[in-house]
Amino acid sequence: MEIKSEIRFQLKLFLKIIALPLTLLLFLLGQWKLVKKLSPLKEILDFLTSAKTIFALIIANILAYIGQVILLLTKPGALDLFVKYPKDILGMRFYTVITSGFLHGNIGHLLANMLFLLLVGRVVEKKLGRKKTLLVYFLALIISGTIDSLLSIYLGIEAGAIGASGAIMGLVSIAMLLAPLYITFLFFIPLPMFLIGWAVLASNLANLPNYASSNIGYIAHLAGFFSIALIGALLSSEDKKKLRNGLIVNLVFLVVGTIIFVIIQGIGPVKELISGFIQTMNGPGGI
């Protein structure tokens, strides 16, 4: 099944929603084949399942969360077997770097991660294929978890960590490099992939000072984001070329965006300076 673009999906879904009255009429008339063809549910299902690797990862995370809830209700202590603690990377519990990536703090945490996994993961699978997408996901998960644990040990932090954010951030970084101008939809707002990537990076960098006092793994997020520097070495020469080209595009947009931001920020002070200059010129001793 072809991985459809978000724009094609949104357009088809919009047209089928408009056709709902006709679909209802055909349903009442017993025209099942036409109803099935016009149903927006089929379009949504095709969209979700077209990226098979990402769909499988989403299902795995959902099933893991269900298992997590069952464990909490029946044997709460057993869940610690799968939670990553900083010192786990130094012993026999290194496996928790992976298992913790399939656990989530609550349903909101799960849904937010799965939304981003769907958005960026589809782009990566479209560009790299199933096997490489899976490789990026798990390597980013391992790298982000390891770096986060090492820094936690250095800072004396012993709290456990869970969540797939490190792996998803790895997908974010590679998606914005492979397809910087690809338009996707975040809460139905069309945005280019490079803008989503830079916004996510900026948000994590801004919150980095709160790392020690927060229960959000900003270090794991950033480590996952920059893990592409290591993961890229394992990709083909063609993929590396695409990543380099994507990096150039991103840097160009970053420089242009920064210049525009500085200009916008400077408009107010510039106006005040010009206004003050004019008042001086019109005042005593002025022209």
Protein backbone atom coordinates (compact mmCIF):
# COMPACT_ATOMS: atom_id res chain seq x y z
CA MET A 1 0.00 0.00 0.00
CA GLU A 2 1.32 3.41 -0.99
CA ILE A 3 2.03 5.85 1.84
CA LYS A 4 -0.24 8.75 0.92
CA SER A 5 0.69 12.34 1.60
CA GLU A 6 -1.22 14.19 4.30
CA ILE A 7 -2.52 16.71 1.77
CA ARG A 8 -4.07 13.97 -0.39
CA PHE A 9 -5.56 12.37 2.70
CA GLN A 10 -7.05 15.64 3.98
CA LEU A 11 -8.55 16.44 0.57
CA LYS A 12 -10.12 13.00 0.12
CA LEU A 13 -11.40 12.97 3.69
CA PHE A 14 -12.93 16.44 3.22
CA LEU A 15 -14.72 15.34 0.04
CA LYS A 16 -16.06 12.19 1.69
CA ILE A 17 -17.31 14.13 4.70
CA ILE A 18 -19.18 16.46 2.34
CA ALA A 19 -20.67 13.36 0.67
CA LEU A 20 -21.99 11.95 3.99
CA PRO A 21 -25.65 12.82 3.21
CA LEU A 22 -25.35 10.90 -0.07
CA THR A 23 -23.64 8.03 1.77
CA LEU A 24 -26.53 7.88 4.26
CA LEU A 25 -29.05 7.81 1.40
CA LEU A 26 -27.18 4.97 -0.32
CA PHE A 27 -27.08 3.12 3.02
CA LEU A 28 -30.87 3.38 3.33
CA LEU A 29 -31.21 2.13 -0.26
CA GLY A 30 -28.98 -0.85 0.51
CA GLN A 31 -26.18 0.13 -1.87
CA TRP A 32 -23.45 -1.40 0.31
CA LYS A 33 -20.64 -1.31 -2.25
CA LEU A 34 -21.08 2.39 -2.88
CA VAL A 35 -21.39 3.07 0.85
CA LYS A 36 -18.12 1.28 1.48
CA LYS A 37 -16.41 3.23 -1.30
CA LEU A 38 -17.65 6.60 0.00
CA SER A 39 -17.10 5.90 3.70
CA PRO A 40 -14.56 8.26 5.34
CA LEU A 41 -13.75 5.48 7.82
CA LYS A 42 -12.04 3.49 5.08
CA GLU A 43 -9.96 6.54 4.10
CA ILE A 44 -8.88 7.05 7.72
CA LEU A 45 -8.01 3.37 8.17
CA ASP A 46 -6.00 3.32 4.93
CA PHE A 47 -4.11 6.43 6.06
CA LEU A 48 -3.26 4.96 9.46
CA THR A 49 -2.15 1.58 8.13
CA SER A 50 -0.32 2.65 4.96
CA ALA A 51 2.94 3.13 6.91
CA LYS A 52 3.02 -0.42 8.22
CA THR A 53 6.13 -0.13 10.44
CA ILE A 54 4.85 3.01 12.17
CA PHE A 55 1.38 1.50 12.54
CA ALA A 56 2.93 -1.62 14.12
CA LEU A 57 4.97 0.54 16.55
CA ILE A 58 1.85 2.48 17.54
CA ILE A 59 -0.05 -0.76 18.18
CA ALA A 60 2.91 -2.12 20.18
CA ASN A 61 2.97 1.02 22.35
CA ILE A 62 -0.79 0.86 22.92
CA LEU A 63 -0.66 -2.83 23.85
CA ALA A 64 2.30 -2.16 26.17
CA TYR A 65 0.31 0.60 27.88
CA ILE A 66 -2.64 -1.76 28.38
CA GLY A 67 -0.24 -4.33 29.88
CA GLN A 68 1.25 -1.59 32.05
CA VAL A 69 -2.17 -0.67 33.45
CA ILE A 70 -2.96 -4.32 34.15
CA LEU A 71 0.36 -4.73 35.99
CA LEU A 72 -0.29 -1.60 38.06
CA LEU A 73 -3.68 -2.96 39.08
CA THR A 74 -2.52 -6.50 39.84
CA LYS A 75 1.22 -6.46 40.64
CA PRO A 76 2.44 -2.84 40.87
CA GLY A 77 5.98 -3.82 41.89
CA ALA A 78 6.42 -5.96 38.76
CA LEU A 79 6.39 -2.85 36.55
CA ASP A 80 9.82 -1.85 37.91
CA LEU A 81 11.28 -4.74 35.93
CA PHE A 82 10.69 -2.71 32.76
CA VAL A 83 11.37 0.85 33.96
CA LYS A 84 14.80 2.32 33.15
CA TYR A 85 16.83 3.54 36.12
CA PRO A 86 20.14 5.36 35.46
CA LYS A 87 22.38 2.63 36.86
CA ASP A 88 20.69 -0.04 34.71
CA ILE A 89 23.12 0.67 31.86
CA LEU A 90 26.01 -0.46 34.07
CA GLY A 91 24.60 -3.90 34.81
CA MET A 92 22.38 -6.73 33.65
CA ARG A 93 19.32 -4.50 33.36
CA PHE A 94 20.50 -2.70 30.22
CA TYR A 95 17.43 -4.14 28.47
CA THR A 96 15.31 -1.51 30.26
CA VAL A 97 16.69 1.08 27.80
CA ILE A 98 14.33 -0.57 25.31
CA THR A 99 11.46 -1.77 27.50
CA SER A 100 11.03 1.63 29.16
CA GLY A 101 10.48 3.11 25.71
CA PHE A 102 7.17 1.26 25.51
CA LEU A 103 5.87 2.56 28.86
CA HIS A 104 4.05 5.87 29.40
CA GLY A 105 3.09 7.96 32.41
CA ASN A 106 -0.58 8.35 31.50
CA ILE A 107 -2.98 8.24 28.57
CA GLY A 108 -2.17 11.85 27.64
CA HIS A 109 1.55 11.05 27.48
CA LEU A 110 0.81 8.04 25.27
CA LEU A 111 -1.52 9.91 22.91
CA ALA A 112 0.88 12.84 22.48
CA ASN A 113 3.79 10.51 21.66
CA MET A 114 1.70 8.42 19.27
CA LEU A 115 0.48 11.53 17.45
CA PHE A 116 4.06 12.65 16.81
CA LEU A 117 5.10 9.11 15.94
CA LEU A 118 2.35 9.02 13.31
CA LEU A 119 3.17 12.48 11.91
CA VAL A 120 6.95 12.14 11.55
CA GLY A 121 7.21 8.36 11.32
CA ARG A 122 5.13 8.22 8.15
CA VAL A 123 7.50 10.68 6.49
CA VAL A 124 10.57 8.65 7.47
CA GLU A 125 9.04 5.36 6.31
CA LYS A 126 8.01 7.00 3.03
CA LYS A 127 11.62 8.11 2.46
CA LEU A 128 13.65 5.26 3.99
CA GLY A 129 11.40 2.20 3.89
CA ARG A 130 10.33 -0.14 6.68
CA LYS A 131 13.62 -1.72 7.79
CA LYS A 132 15.59 1.53 8.00
CA THR A 133 12.73 3.24 9.82
CA LEU A 134 12.77 0.50 12.42
CA LEU A 135 16.57 0.80 12.67
CA VAL A 136 16.37 4.57 13.26
CA TYR A 137 13.63 4.15 15.87
CA PHE A 138 15.41 1.60 18.04
CA LEU A 139 18.89 3.09 17.69
CA ALA A 140 17.54 6.52 18.69
CA LEU A 141 15.77 4.86 21.63
CA ILE A 142 18.97 3.14 22.80
CA ILE A 143 21.25 6.17 22.25
CA SER A 144 18.87 8.62 23.95
CA GLY A 145 18.28 6.31 26.90
CA THR A 146 21.99 5.63 27.38
CA ILE A 147 23.03 9.29 27.28
CA ASP A 148 20.17 10.26 29.60
CA SER A 149 21.24 7.56 32.09
CA LEU A 150 24.91 8.58 32.00
CA LEU A 151 24.07 12.22 32.68
CA SER A 152 21.64 11.24 35.45
CA ILE A 153 24.38 9.19 37.12
CA TYR A 154 26.73 12.18 36.86
CA LEU A 155 24.11 14.48 38.42
CA GLY A 156 23.16 11.97 41.09
CA ILE A 157 19.61 11.50 39.79
CA GLU A 158 18.15 8.08 40.59
CA ALA A 159 14.58 8.47 39.31
CA GLY A 160 13.30 6.05 36.71
CA ALA A 161 12.42 7.12 33.18
CA ILE A 162 9.82 5.90 30.71
CA GLY A 163 8.47 6.95 27.32
CA ALA A 164 9.15 6.70 23.59
CA SER A 165 10.09 10.37 23.21
CA GLY A 166 13.81 9.74 22.60
CA ALA A 167 13.05 7.38 19.71
CA ILE A 168 10.44 9.75 18.28
CA MET A 169 12.88 12.67 18.45
CA GLY A 170 15.28 10.60 16.36
CA LEU A 171 12.54 10.28 13.75
CA VAL A 172 11.83 14.03 13.98
CA SER A 173 15.43 14.95 13.21
CA ILE A 174 15.79 12.56 10.29
CA ALA A 175 12.38 13.56 8.88
CA MET A 176 13.29 17.25 8.83
CA LEU A 177 16.53 16.39 7.01
CA LEU A 178 15.09 13.93 4.50
CA ALA A 179 11.99 15.99 3.71
CA PRO A 180 12.35 19.54 5.11
CA LEU A 181 9.62 20.99 2.88
CA TYR A 182 7.18 18.11 3.30
CA ILE A 183 3.83 19.51 4.47
CA THR A 184 2.17 17.67 7.34
CA PHE A 185 -0.73 18.61 9.61
CA LEU A 186 -0.44 19.28 13.33
CA PHE A 187 -3.93 19.69 14.77
CA PHE A 188 -5.14 20.30 11.18
CA ILE A 189 -2.61 23.14 10.73
CA PRO A 190 -0.40 22.64 7.64
CA LEU A 191 3.27 22.97 8.58
CA PRO A 192 6.54 22.10 6.80
CA MET A 193 8.56 19.38 8.48
CA PHE A 194 11.59 21.61 9.06
CA LEU A 195 9.46 24.05 11.07
CA ILE A 196 8.10 21.28 13.29
CA GLY A 197 11.63 19.98 13.86
CA TRP A 198 13.11 23.37 14.79
CA ALA A 199 10.14 24.19 17.04
CA VAL A 200 10.51 20.90 18.94
CA LEU A 201 14.27 21.41 19.27
CA ALA A 202 13.86 25.00 20.49
CA SER A 203 11.26 23.94 23.05
CA ASN A 204 13.55 21.30 24.53
CA LEU A 205 16.57 23.61 24.60
CA ALA A 206 14.53 26.32 26.33
CA ASN A 207 13.42 23.87 29.03
CA LEU A 208 16.84 22.26 29.50
CA PRO A 209 17.62 24.29 32.69
CA ASN A 210 14.62 22.58 34.33
CA TYR A 211 16.02 19.09 33.63
CA ALA A 212 16.96 18.20 37.22
CA SER A 213 13.67 19.40 38.74
CA SER A 214 11.35 18.23 35.97
CA ASN A 215 9.89 14.80 35.29
CA ILE A 216 10.33 15.37 31.55
CA GLY A 217 13.40 13.82 29.93
CA TYR A 218 14.74 16.81 28.01
CA ILE A 219 18.19 15.25 27.81
CA ALA A 220 16.74 12.05 26.34
CA HIS A 221 14.78 14.15 23.84
CA LEU A 222 17.85 16.09 22.74
CA ALA A 223 20.01 12.95 22.66
CA GLY A 224 17.41 11.28 20.45
CA PHE A 225 17.29 14.32 18.19
CA PHE A 226 21.06 14.45 17.69
CA SER A 227 21.43 10.66 17.51
CA ILE A 228 21.12 11.05 13.74
CA ALA A 229 24.80 12.06 13.77
CA LEU A 230 25.63 8.44 14.68
CA ILE A 231 22.74 6.70 12.95
CA GLY A 232 23.43 8.46 9.64
CA ALA A 233 26.79 6.67 9.41
CA LEU A 234 24.92 3.36 9.04
CA LEU A 235 22.78 4.52 6.13
CA SER A 236 23.58 4.22 2.44
CA SER A 237 25.61 6.83 0.54
CA GLU A 238 22.44 7.92 -1.25
CA ASP A 239 20.65 8.45 2.07
CA LYS A 240 23.66 10.35 3.44
CA LYS A 241 23.55 12.65 0.42
CA LYS A 242 19.86 13.35 1.06
CA LEU A 243 20.62 14.10 4.71
CA ARG A 244 23.40 16.53 3.76
CA ASN A 245 21.16 18.31 1.26
CA GLY A 246 18.40 18.47 3.84
CA LEU A 247 20.80 19.94 6.38
CA ILE A 248 21.73 22.71 3.94
CA VAL A 249 18.04 23.53 3.34
CA ASN A 250 17.40 23.60 7.09
CA LEU A 251 20.35 25.89 7.76
CA VAL A 252 19.26 28.28 5.01
CA PHE A 253 15.77 28.51 6.49
CA LEU A 254 17.22 28.88 9.99
CA VAL A 255 19.42 31.82 8.93
CA VAL A 256 16.60 33.50 6.99
CA GLY A 257 14.15 32.91 9.84
CA THR A 258 16.59 34.32 12.38
CA ILE A 259 17.12 37.45 10.29
CA ILE A 260 13.36 37.95 9.91
CA PHE A 261 12.86 37.43 13.65
CA VAL A 262 15.55 39.98 14.51
CA ILE A 263 14.02 42.49 12.10
CA ILE A 264 10.54 41.99 13.56
CA GLN A 265 11.88 42.25 17.10
CA GLY A 266 13.75 45.39 16.15
CA ILE A 267 10.81 47.16 14.54
CA GLY A 268 9.57 48.60 17.84
CA PRO A 269 12.94 49.99 19.03
CA VAL A 270 13.69 51.30 15.53
CA LYS A 271 10.38 53.14 15.46
CA GLU A 272 11.07 54.62 18.90
CA LEU A 273 14.55 55.69 17.78
CA ILE A 274 13.21 57.34 14.63
CA SER A 275 10.40 59.00 16.60
CA GLY A 276 12.88 60.34 19.16
CA PHE A 277 15.15 61.61 16.40
CA ILE A 278 12.24 63.45 14.73
CA GLN A 279 11.16 65.00 18.04
CA THR A 280 14.74 66.17 18.64
CA MET A 281 14.89 67.72 15.20
CA ASN A 282 11.55 69.51 15.76
CA GLY A 283 12.42 70.67 19.28
CA PRO A 284 14.47 73.64 20.48
CA GLY A 285 17.55 73.90 18.34
CA GLY A 286 16.12 71.54 15.79
CA ILE A 287 15.79 72.10 12.10
